[in-house]
N, C-alpha and C. Protein backbone atom coordinates (compact mmCIF):
# COMPACT_ATOMS: atom_id res chain seq x y z
N MET A 1 0.77 -1.05 -0.03
CA MET A 1 0.02 -0.18 0.07
C MET A 1 0.80 1.19 0.04
N GLU A 2 0.36 1.97 -0.68
CA GLU A 2 1.07 3.18 -0.96
C GLU A 2 -0.31 4.75 -0.84
N TRP A 3 0.24 5.49 0.36
CA TRP A 3 -0.54 6.53 0.61
C TRP A 3 0.08 8.12 0.79
N THR A 4 -0.28 8.85 -0.44
CA THR A 4 0.87 10.28 -0.05
C THR A 4 -0.38 11.35 -0.59
N GLY A 5 0.10 12.46 0.21
CA GLY A 5 -0.92 13.60 0.21
C GLY A 5 -1.52 13.66 1.37
N ALA A 6 -2.13 14.91 1.84
CA ALA A 6 -3.29 15.24 2.71
C ALA A 6 -4.03 16.34 2.93
N ARG A 7 -3.72 16.97 1.38
CA ARG A 7 -5.00 17.97 1.38
C ARG A 7 -5.45 17.12 -0.53
N TYR A 8 -6.94 17.66 -0.59
CA TYR A 8 -7.39 17.47 -1.73
C TYR A 8 -6.68 17.58 -2.91
N ALA A 9 -5.94 19.03 -3.01
CA ALA A 9 -5.72 19.68 -3.96
C ALA A 9 -4.20 18.84 -3.94
N ASP A 10 -3.58 18.02 -3.26
CA ASP A 10 -2.75 17.30 -3.11
C ASP A 10 -2.66 16.71 -4.36
N GLY A 11 -3.87 16.13 -5.01
CA GLY A 11 -3.70 14.88 -5.29
C GLY A 11 -3.69 13.60 -5.02
N PRO A 12 -3.77 13.60 -3.62
CA PRO A 12 -3.74 12.08 -3.05
C PRO A 12 -3.67 10.64 -3.81
N THR A 13 -2.81 10.22 -3.10
CA THR A 13 -3.07 8.60 -3.78
C THR A 13 -2.78 7.90 -3.06
N VAL A 14 -3.65 6.33 -3.61
CA VAL A 14 -2.97 5.03 -2.75
C VAL A 14 -3.57 3.84 -3.69
N GLU A 15 -2.04 2.90 -3.26
CA GLU A 15 -2.18 1.74 -4.36
C GLU A 15 -2.22 0.59 -3.70
N VAL A 16 -3.00 -0.61 -3.94
CA VAL A 16 -2.48 -1.83 -3.47
C VAL A 16 -2.13 -2.43 -4.43
N THR A 17 -1.55 -3.85 -4.00
CA THR A 17 -0.96 -4.87 -4.74
C THR A 17 -1.57 -6.25 -4.07
N THR A 18 -1.50 -7.31 -5.09
CA THR A 18 -1.16 -8.76 -5.01
C THR A 18 -0.82 -9.50 -6.02
N TRP A 19 -0.62 -10.43 -5.73
CA TRP A 19 0.10 -11.83 -6.56
C TRP A 19 -1.05 -12.47 -6.84
N VAL A 20 -1.54 -12.89 -8.10
CA VAL A 20 -2.47 -13.77 -8.41
C VAL A 20 -1.99 -15.19 -9.65
N ALA A 21 -2.25 -16.27 -8.61
CA ALA A 21 -1.79 -17.30 -9.39
C ALA A 21 -2.62 -17.62 -10.65
N ALA A 22 -2.69 -16.77 -11.71
CA ALA A 22 -3.61 -16.96 -12.90
C ALA A 22 -2.70 -16.08 -14.16
N THR A 23 -2.55 -16.44 -15.41
CA THR A 23 -2.02 -15.61 -16.57
C THR A 23 -2.66 -14.13 -16.57
N PRO A 24 -1.98 -13.37 -17.27
CA PRO A 24 -2.62 -11.97 -17.22
C PRO A 24 -3.59 -11.99 -17.72
N GLY A 25 -3.83 -12.37 -18.91
CA GLY A 25 -5.30 -12.65 -20.02
C GLY A 25 -6.00 -12.71 -18.90
N ARG A 26 -6.09 -14.21 -17.72
CA ARG A 26 -7.47 -13.98 -17.33
C ARG A 26 -7.79 -12.83 -16.67
N VAL A 27 -6.48 -12.46 -15.80
CA VAL A 27 -6.82 -11.61 -14.95
C VAL A 27 -7.35 -10.10 -15.54
N TRP A 28 -6.87 -10.21 -16.87
CA TRP A 28 -7.30 -8.97 -17.77
C TRP A 28 -8.73 -8.51 -17.92
N ALA A 29 -8.98 -10.17 -18.11
CA ALA A 29 -10.74 -10.86 -18.32
C ALA A 29 -11.75 -10.02 -17.07
N LEU A 30 -11.22 -9.91 -16.16
CA LEU A 30 -11.51 -9.82 -14.81
C LEU A 30 -11.96 -8.11 -14.60
N VAL A 31 -10.64 -7.88 -14.35
CA VAL A 31 -10.32 -6.01 -14.24
C VAL A 31 -11.09 -5.63 -15.28
N SER A 32 -11.00 -5.67 -16.51
CA SER A 32 -11.20 -5.10 -17.75
C SER A 32 -13.21 -4.87 -17.96
N ASP A 33 -13.46 -5.51 -17.46
CA ASP A 33 -15.18 -5.58 -17.40
C ASP A 33 -15.84 -4.91 -16.18
N VAL A 34 -15.81 -3.70 -17.03
CA VAL A 34 -16.77 -2.90 -15.86
C VAL A 34 -18.08 -3.48 -15.26
N THR A 35 -18.76 -3.68 -15.99
CA THR A 35 -20.21 -4.59 -15.59
C THR A 35 -19.62 -5.25 -14.74
N ARG A 36 -19.14 -6.01 -14.02
CA ARG A 36 -18.42 -7.07 -13.78
C ARG A 36 -17.91 -6.20 -12.27
N MET A 37 -17.52 -5.14 -12.05
CA MET A 37 -17.24 -4.82 -10.95
C MET A 37 -17.58 -4.41 -9.92
N PRO A 38 -19.25 -4.03 -9.87
CA PRO A 38 -19.92 -4.23 -8.94
C PRO A 38 -20.14 -5.39 -8.04
N GLU A 39 -19.57 -6.66 -8.66
CA GLU A 39 -19.56 -7.60 -7.76
C GLU A 39 -18.78 -7.71 -6.95
N MET A 40 -17.79 -7.30 -7.09
CA MET A 40 -16.60 -7.16 -6.46
C MET A 40 -16.14 -5.99 -5.40
N SER A 41 -17.55 -5.14 -5.40
CA SER A 41 -16.89 -3.36 -4.56
C SER A 41 -18.56 -3.56 -3.48
N GLU A 42 -18.36 -3.02 -2.69
CA GLU A 42 -19.03 -2.75 -1.86
C GLU A 42 -20.00 -1.37 -2.11
N GLU A 43 -18.76 -0.18 -3.05
CA GLU A 43 -19.27 0.97 -3.19
C GLU A 43 -20.19 1.22 -4.71
N LEU A 44 -19.45 0.44 -5.18
CA LEU A 44 -20.12 0.64 -6.57
C LEU A 44 -21.21 -0.47 -7.12
N GLN A 45 -22.65 -0.04 -7.19
CA GLN A 45 -23.62 -0.85 -7.37
C GLN A 45 -23.77 -1.29 -8.52
N SER A 46 -23.33 -0.67 -9.77
CA SER A 46 -23.73 -0.84 -10.94
C SER A 46 -22.48 -0.31 -12.21
N ALA A 47 -22.41 -0.59 -13.18
CA ALA A 47 -21.56 -0.19 -14.15
C ALA A 47 -21.98 -0.62 -15.62
N GLN A 48 -22.25 0.40 -16.62
CA GLN A 48 -22.82 -0.32 -17.93
C GLN A 48 -22.10 0.80 -18.74
N TRP A 49 -21.53 -0.07 -20.27
CA TRP A 49 -21.00 1.09 -20.83
C TRP A 49 -22.13 1.81 -21.69
N ALA A 50 -21.47 3.02 -22.27
CA ALA A 50 -22.57 3.75 -22.24
C ALA A 50 -21.95 4.44 -23.82
N ASP A 51 -22.64 5.21 -24.56
CA ASP A 51 -22.57 5.01 -26.06
C ASP A 51 -21.86 4.26 -27.27
N GLY A 52 -22.87 3.07 -27.18
CA GLY A 52 -22.60 2.05 -28.17
C GLY A 52 -21.49 1.50 -27.57
N ALA A 53 -20.51 1.60 -26.70
CA ALA A 53 -19.42 0.82 -26.23
C ALA A 53 -19.97 -0.58 -25.76
N ALA A 54 -19.29 -1.63 -26.03
CA ALA A 54 -19.06 -2.68 -25.53
C ALA A 54 -17.88 -3.67 -24.83
N ALA A 55 -16.84 -2.77 -25.26
CA ALA A 55 -15.59 -2.82 -24.34
C ALA A 55 -14.53 -2.34 -24.46
N PRO A 56 -13.38 -2.33 -23.44
CA PRO A 56 -12.30 -1.50 -23.12
C PRO A 56 -11.69 -0.82 -23.80
N ALA A 57 -11.64 0.60 -24.40
CA ALA A 57 -11.03 1.16 -25.44
C ALA A 57 -10.45 2.57 -24.99
N VAL A 58 -9.76 3.35 -25.39
CA VAL A 58 -9.51 4.24 -24.79
C VAL A 58 -10.44 5.27 -25.60
N GLY A 59 -10.97 6.02 -24.42
CA GLY A 59 -12.13 7.24 -25.31
C GLY A 59 -13.38 6.79 -24.99
N ALA A 60 -13.48 4.97 -24.57
CA ALA A 60 -14.72 4.35 -24.17
C ALA A 60 -15.14 4.85 -22.77
N ARG A 61 -17.08 5.29 -22.80
CA ARG A 61 -17.39 5.37 -21.74
C ARG A 61 -18.06 4.57 -20.98
N PHE A 62 -18.45 4.89 -19.88
CA PHE A 62 -19.12 3.83 -19.24
C PHE A 62 -19.67 4.97 -17.82
N VAL A 63 -21.09 4.61 -16.98
CA VAL A 63 -21.77 5.09 -16.53
C VAL A 63 -21.75 4.25 -15.05
N GLY A 64 -21.08 4.99 -13.99
CA GLY A 64 -21.18 4.12 -12.66
C GLY A 64 -22.11 4.48 -11.71
N ARG A 65 -22.89 3.55 -10.82
CA ARG A 65 -23.82 4.10 -9.94
C ARG A 65 -23.05 3.67 -8.83
N SER A 66 -23.14 4.58 -7.49
CA SER A 66 -22.53 4.03 -6.22
C SER A 66 -23.01 4.60 -5.12
N ARG A 67 -22.73 3.74 -4.11
CA ARG A 67 -24.07 4.45 -2.48
C ARG A 67 -22.79 4.34 -1.82
N HIS A 68 -23.02 4.96 -0.72
CA HIS A 68 -21.70 5.02 0.15
C HIS A 68 -23.05 5.72 1.69
N GLU A 69 -22.79 5.32 2.70
CA GLU A 69 -23.63 5.60 4.05
C GLU A 69 -23.24 7.16 4.14
N ALA A 70 -22.33 8.02 3.86
CA ALA A 70 -21.93 9.43 4.75
C ALA A 70 -22.29 9.86 3.23
N PHE A 71 -22.44 9.65 1.99
CA PHE A 71 -22.88 10.40 0.70
C PHE A 71 -24.03 10.44 0.04
N GLY A 72 -24.60 9.10 0.12
CA GLY A 72 -25.77 8.65 -0.57
C GLY A 72 -25.46 7.96 -1.63
N GLU A 73 -26.30 8.13 -2.60
CA GLU A 73 -26.36 7.43 -4.28
C GLU A 73 -25.73 8.66 -4.86
N TRP A 74 -24.59 8.54 -6.21
CA TRP A 74 -24.69 9.09 -7.21
C TRP A 74 -24.22 8.20 -8.16
N GLU A 75 -24.04 9.30 -9.42
CA GLU A 75 -24.02 8.66 -10.76
C GLU A 75 -22.58 9.22 -11.42
N THR A 76 -22.11 8.53 -12.00
CA THR A 76 -20.83 8.89 -12.62
C THR A 76 -20.66 8.36 -14.17
N THR A 77 -20.07 9.72 -15.09
CA THR A 77 -19.43 9.10 -16.28
C THR A 77 -18.44 9.03 -16.17
N CYS A 78 -17.82 7.99 -16.63
CA CYS A 78 -16.08 7.75 -16.39
C CYS A 78 -16.01 7.51 -18.20
N THR A 79 -14.31 8.37 -18.45
CA THR A 79 -14.11 7.61 -19.75
C THR A 79 -12.31 6.93 -19.65
N VAL A 80 -12.45 6.01 -20.34
CA VAL A 80 -11.42 4.99 -20.14
C VAL A 80 -10.06 5.85 -20.63
N VAL A 81 -8.99 6.12 -20.08
CA VAL A 81 -7.66 6.92 -20.95
C VAL A 81 -6.72 5.73 -20.70
N ALA A 82 -6.65 4.64 -20.31
CA ALA A 82 -5.28 4.13 -20.80
C ALA A 82 -6.39 2.51 -20.99
N CYS A 83 -5.85 1.97 -21.88
CA CYS A 83 -6.13 0.40 -22.37
C CYS A 83 -5.23 -0.31 -23.13
N GLU A 84 -4.56 -1.07 -22.02
CA GLU A 84 -3.38 -1.58 -22.78
C GLU A 84 -3.45 -3.39 -22.13
N SER A 85 -4.27 -4.12 -23.66
CA SER A 85 -4.45 -5.59 -22.94
C SER A 85 -3.19 -6.06 -22.18
N GLU A 86 -3.75 -6.82 -21.27
CA GLU A 86 -3.46 -7.93 -20.35
C GLU A 86 -1.89 -6.89 -19.25
N ARG A 87 -2.08 -5.36 -19.45
CA ARG A 87 -1.49 -4.54 -18.78
C ARG A 87 -1.84 -3.33 -17.92
N VAL A 88 -2.40 -2.54 -18.46
CA VAL A 88 -2.92 -1.84 -17.96
C VAL A 88 -5.08 -1.23 -18.63
N PHE A 89 -5.57 -0.93 -17.28
CA PHE A 89 -7.05 -0.23 -17.90
C PHE A 89 -7.12 0.64 -16.53
N SER A 90 -7.19 1.59 -17.46
CA SER A 90 -7.30 3.24 -16.35
C SER A 90 -8.80 4.00 -17.15
N TRP A 91 -9.03 4.57 -15.69
CA TRP A 91 -10.45 5.66 -16.30
C TRP A 91 -10.82 7.04 -15.48
N ALA A 92 -10.79 7.62 -16.05
CA ALA A 92 -11.40 9.14 -15.32
C ALA A 92 -12.35 9.43 -14.95
N VAL A 93 -13.08 9.87 -13.67
CA VAL A 93 -14.41 9.70 -13.25
C VAL A 93 -14.48 11.43 -13.73
N GLY A 94 -15.64 11.49 -14.42
CA GLY A 94 -16.00 13.15 -14.68
C GLY A 94 -15.52 13.19 -15.53
N ASP A 95 -15.01 14.76 -16.05
CA ASP A 95 -14.46 15.29 -17.31
C ASP A 95 -12.93 14.75 -17.28
N PRO A 96 -13.15 14.04 -18.45
CA PRO A 96 -11.23 13.23 -18.07
C PRO A 96 -10.28 14.50 -18.11
N ALA A 97 -10.33 16.09 -18.48
CA ALA A 97 -9.24 16.82 -18.66
C ALA A 97 -9.08 17.25 -16.98
N GLU A 98 -10.14 17.12 -16.18
CA GLU A 98 -10.13 17.64 -14.95
C GLU A 98 -11.28 16.30 -14.14
N PRO A 99 -10.52 15.38 -13.85
CA PRO A 99 -11.54 14.32 -13.09
C PRO A 99 -11.14 14.63 -11.57
N SER A 100 -12.56 13.77 -11.38
CA SER A 100 -12.66 13.95 -9.57
C SER A 100 -11.77 12.97 -9.24
N ALA A 101 -11.49 11.59 -10.08
CA ALA A 101 -10.22 10.95 -9.70
C ALA A 101 -10.31 9.95 -10.67
N VAL A 102 -9.06 9.34 -10.84
CA VAL A 102 -8.51 8.72 -12.04
C VAL A 102 -8.08 7.10 -11.08
N TRP A 103 -8.18 6.03 -11.75
CA TRP A 103 -8.20 4.70 -11.22
C TRP A 103 -7.74 4.22 -12.43
N ARG A 104 -6.74 3.08 -11.91
CA ARG A 104 -6.10 2.19 -12.55
C ARG A 104 -5.98 0.91 -11.73
N PHE A 105 -5.73 0.05 -13.49
CA PHE A 105 -5.60 -1.62 -12.65
C PHE A 105 -3.91 -2.02 -13.52
N GLY A 106 -3.09 -1.96 -12.97
CA GLY A 106 -1.80 -2.31 -13.54
C GLY A 106 -2.07 -4.14 -13.40
N LEU A 107 -1.16 -4.63 -14.34
CA LEU A 107 -0.82 -6.21 -14.43
C LEU A 107 0.55 -6.36 -14.93
N GLU A 108 1.31 -7.22 -14.18
CA GLU A 108 2.60 -7.42 -14.54
C GLU A 108 2.59 -9.33 -14.50
N PRO A 109 3.27 -9.68 -15.59
CA PRO A 109 3.50 -10.95 -15.31
C PRO A 109 4.87 -11.60 -14.41
N ARG A 110 4.57 -12.20 -13.52
CA ARG A 110 5.46 -12.65 -12.41
C ARG A 110 5.43 -13.48 -11.69
N ASN A 111 6.04 -14.55 -11.37
CA ASN A 111 6.68 -15.88 -11.01
C ASN A 111 5.54 -16.63 -11.47
N GLY A 112 5.32 -16.78 -13.11
CA GLY A 112 4.16 -17.66 -13.05
C GLY A 112 3.04 -17.32 -13.07
N GLY A 113 2.59 -15.99 -12.26
CA GLY A 113 1.47 -15.61 -12.53
C GLY A 113 1.28 -13.98 -12.82
N THR A 114 0.41 -13.20 -11.96
CA THR A 114 0.21 -11.90 -12.36
C THR A 114 0.47 -11.32 -10.80
N GLU A 115 1.26 -9.74 -10.92
CA GLU A 115 1.22 -9.13 -9.76
C GLU A 115 -0.03 -8.11 -10.31
N LEU A 116 -0.95 -7.90 -9.57
CA LEU A 116 -1.91 -7.06 -9.87
C LEU A 116 -1.91 -5.75 -8.83
N SER A 117 -2.19 -4.33 -9.26
CA SER A 117 -2.06 -3.41 -8.52
C SER A 117 -3.50 -2.39 -8.91
N GLN A 118 -3.83 -2.31 -7.92
CA GLN A 118 -5.08 -0.48 -8.05
C GLN A 118 -4.74 0.62 -7.55
N TRP A 119 -5.11 1.33 -8.19
CA TRP A 119 -4.14 2.63 -7.71
C TRP A 119 -5.20 3.84 -7.96
N MET A 120 -5.40 4.73 -7.22
CA MET A 120 -6.14 5.83 -7.78
C MET A 120 -5.82 6.78 -7.41
N ARG A 121 -6.05 8.07 -7.73
CA ARG A 121 -5.62 9.48 -7.47
C ARG A 121 -7.14 10.36 -7.07
N MET A 122 -7.12 10.87 -6.15
CA MET A 122 -8.49 12.10 -5.82
C MET A 122 -7.88 13.50 -6.41
N GLY A 123 -9.05 13.68 -7.12
CA GLY A 123 -8.93 15.01 -8.05
C GLY A 123 -8.44 14.99 -8.97
N PRO A 124 -7.73 16.53 -9.86
CA PRO A 124 -8.32 17.16 -9.09
C PRO A 124 -9.29 18.07 -9.06
N GLY A 125 -10.23 17.59 -10.20
CA GLY A 125 -11.64 18.16 -9.99
C GLY A 125 -12.22 18.02 -9.01
N ARG A 126 -13.65 18.17 -8.77
CA ARG A 126 -14.42 18.57 -7.62
C ARG A 126 -15.17 16.97 -7.69
N SER A 127 -15.46 16.65 -6.19
CA SER A 127 -16.09 14.98 -5.91
C SER A 127 -17.30 15.42 -5.15
N GLY A 128 -17.97 14.53 -5.09
CA GLY A 128 -18.65 14.45 -3.43
C GLY A 128 -18.09 15.00 -2.19
N LEU A 129 -16.60 14.52 -1.88
CA LEU A 129 -15.71 14.80 -0.98
C LEU A 129 -15.77 16.41 -1.27
N SER A 130 -15.79 17.23 -2.00
CA SER A 130 -14.97 18.46 -1.83
C SER A 130 -16.56 19.06 -0.96
N PHE A 131 -17.54 18.73 -1.12
CA PHE A 131 -18.69 19.70 -0.14
C PHE A 131 -18.49 18.89 0.97
N ALA A 132 -17.92 18.19 1.31
CA ALA A 132 -17.97 17.94 3.10
C ALA A 132 -16.60 18.87 3.59
N ILE A 133 -15.69 18.85 2.44
CA ILE A 133 -14.25 19.81 2.98
C ILE A 133 -14.64 21.23 2.72
N ASP A 134 -15.90 21.65 1.94
CA ASP A 134 -16.20 23.27 2.13
C ASP A 134 -16.97 23.47 3.24
N ALA A 135 -17.87 22.41 3.77
CA ALA A 135 -18.39 22.68 4.76
C ALA A 135 -17.48 22.73 6.12
N MET A 136 -16.55 21.84 5.77
CA MET A 136 -15.55 21.93 7.36
C MET A 136 -14.01 21.71 7.18
N PRO A 137 -13.37 23.03 6.68
CA PRO A 137 -12.27 23.33 6.08
C PRO A 137 -11.57 22.99 6.58
N GLU A 138 -11.29 23.53 7.80
CA GLU A 138 -10.27 22.67 9.00
C GLU A 138 -10.06 21.40 9.32
N LYS A 139 -10.96 20.77 8.90
CA LYS A 139 -10.63 18.87 8.99
C LYS A 139 -10.51 18.40 7.67
N GLU A 140 -10.21 19.26 6.84
CA GLU A 140 -9.67 18.61 5.59
C GLU A 140 -8.81 17.54 5.61
N GLN A 141 -7.81 17.96 6.03
CA GLN A 141 -6.87 16.29 6.21
C GLN A 141 -6.87 15.34 6.92
N LYS A 142 -8.30 15.42 7.58
CA LYS A 142 -8.73 14.37 8.38
C LYS A 142 -9.91 13.46 7.50
N ILE A 143 -10.47 14.27 6.89
CA ILE A 143 -11.55 13.80 5.86
C ILE A 143 -11.11 13.07 4.64
N VAL A 144 -9.86 13.89 3.92
CA VAL A 144 -9.30 13.14 2.93
C VAL A 144 -8.84 11.68 3.55
N PHE A 145 -8.13 11.59 4.97
CA PHE A 145 -7.28 10.76 5.32
C PHE A 145 -8.22 9.25 5.60
N VAL A 146 -9.70 9.66 5.97
CA VAL A 146 -10.47 9.04 6.24
C VAL A 146 -11.16 8.58 5.07
N ARG A 147 -11.15 8.81 3.79
CA ARG A 147 -11.97 8.82 2.94
C ARG A 147 -10.47 7.70 1.82
N MET A 148 -9.31 8.16 2.23
CA MET A 148 -8.33 7.51 1.32
C MET A 148 -8.14 6.05 2.08
N ARG A 149 -8.38 6.15 3.16
CA ARG A 149 -8.10 4.93 3.83
C ARG A 149 -9.24 3.94 3.25
N GLU A 150 -10.81 4.30 3.07
CA GLU A 150 -11.78 3.59 2.75
C GLU A 150 -11.18 3.30 1.49
N PHE A 151 -10.93 4.28 0.63
CA PHE A 151 -10.59 3.43 -0.53
C PHE A 151 -9.53 2.39 -0.42
N GLU A 152 -8.68 2.62 0.17
CA GLU A 152 -7.67 1.15 0.54
C GLU A 152 -8.12 0.18 1.00
N ARG A 153 -9.21 0.00 1.70
CA ARG A 153 -9.47 -1.47 2.22
C ARG A 153 -10.80 -1.68 1.05
N GLY A 154 -11.39 -1.18 0.60
CA GLY A 154 -12.25 -1.31 -0.64
C GLY A 154 -11.32 -1.94 -1.82
N MET A 155 -10.07 -1.14 -1.91
CA MET A 155 -9.41 -2.03 -3.23
C MET A 155 -8.95 -2.98 -2.61
N THR A 156 -8.18 -3.34 -1.33
CA THR A 156 -7.95 -4.64 -1.20
C THR A 156 -8.55 -5.84 -0.96
N ALA A 157 -10.04 -5.41 -0.98
CA ALA A 157 -11.56 -6.21 -1.21
C ALA A 157 -11.51 -6.95 -2.44
N THR A 158 -11.71 -5.52 -3.47
CA THR A 158 -11.69 -5.82 -4.67
C THR A 158 -10.67 -6.92 -5.20
N LEU A 159 -9.41 -6.55 -4.77
CA LEU A 159 -8.40 -7.69 -5.40
C LEU A 159 -8.64 -8.94 -5.01
N GLU A 160 -8.58 -8.81 -3.81
CA GLU A 160 -9.12 -10.34 -3.30
C GLU A 160 -10.03 -10.91 -4.11
N HIS A 161 -11.15 -10.21 -4.52
CA HIS A 161 -12.33 -11.03 -5.13
C HIS A 161 -11.62 -11.28 -6.55
N ILE A 162 -11.10 -10.45 -7.01
CA ILE A 162 -10.29 -10.31 -8.56
C ILE A 162 -9.37 -11.70 -8.56
N ARG A 163 -8.69 -11.89 -7.42
CA ARG A 163 -7.70 -12.97 -6.88
C ARG A 163 -8.48 -14.41 -7.26
N GLN A 164 -9.40 -14.39 -6.43
CA GLN A 164 -9.93 -15.50 -6.18
C GLN A 164 -10.74 -16.16 -7.25
N ARG A 165 -11.34 -15.15 -7.86
CA ARG A 165 -11.82 -15.45 -9.23
C ARG A 165 -10.92 -15.90 -10.38
N ALA A 166 -9.89 -15.29 -10.51
CA ALA A 166 -9.19 -15.66 -11.76
C ALA A 166 -8.31 -17.36 -11.05
N GLU A 167 -8.06 -17.35 -10.13
CA GLU A 167 -7.72 -18.10 -9.75
C GLU A 167 -8.50 -19.53 -9.25
N ALA A 168 -9.55 -19.39 -9.46
CA ALA A 168 -10.83 -20.45 -9.40
C ALA A 168 -10.85 -21.41 -10.84
């Protein structure tokens, strides 16, 4: 796990990594299918390709619906910003030029399996968290820290789900 930054404007990041006893191709099929991601996430409730897209490709868009007890329910449109089969799958949340977050799966062949990482950067565009920070600016560092820890826990669980499915 890597965690840097303390304020939203710093673009804090978090990354988790695991090793999967499966080929990069098998892992890729799981991480690049956004419609299956809700099965592996507590927060993400649904994800569907948009604009006629049916598979990951740079520029393809999908709509995700999420839920969190503190933030309620919301919908975001995401744009694939990197897509290299069996290597990297990344998307920007909201406006790709000013995303509220960027997410990435990285795959590396290693020791007869795949080293799988999930990384995310918060900001620079506004998100639901921005409203909490606006309301309590003196607590910004704590708000960001708590949210990044939530992301870390969620990402760790997601990678474990992917690992179990890929190894089954």
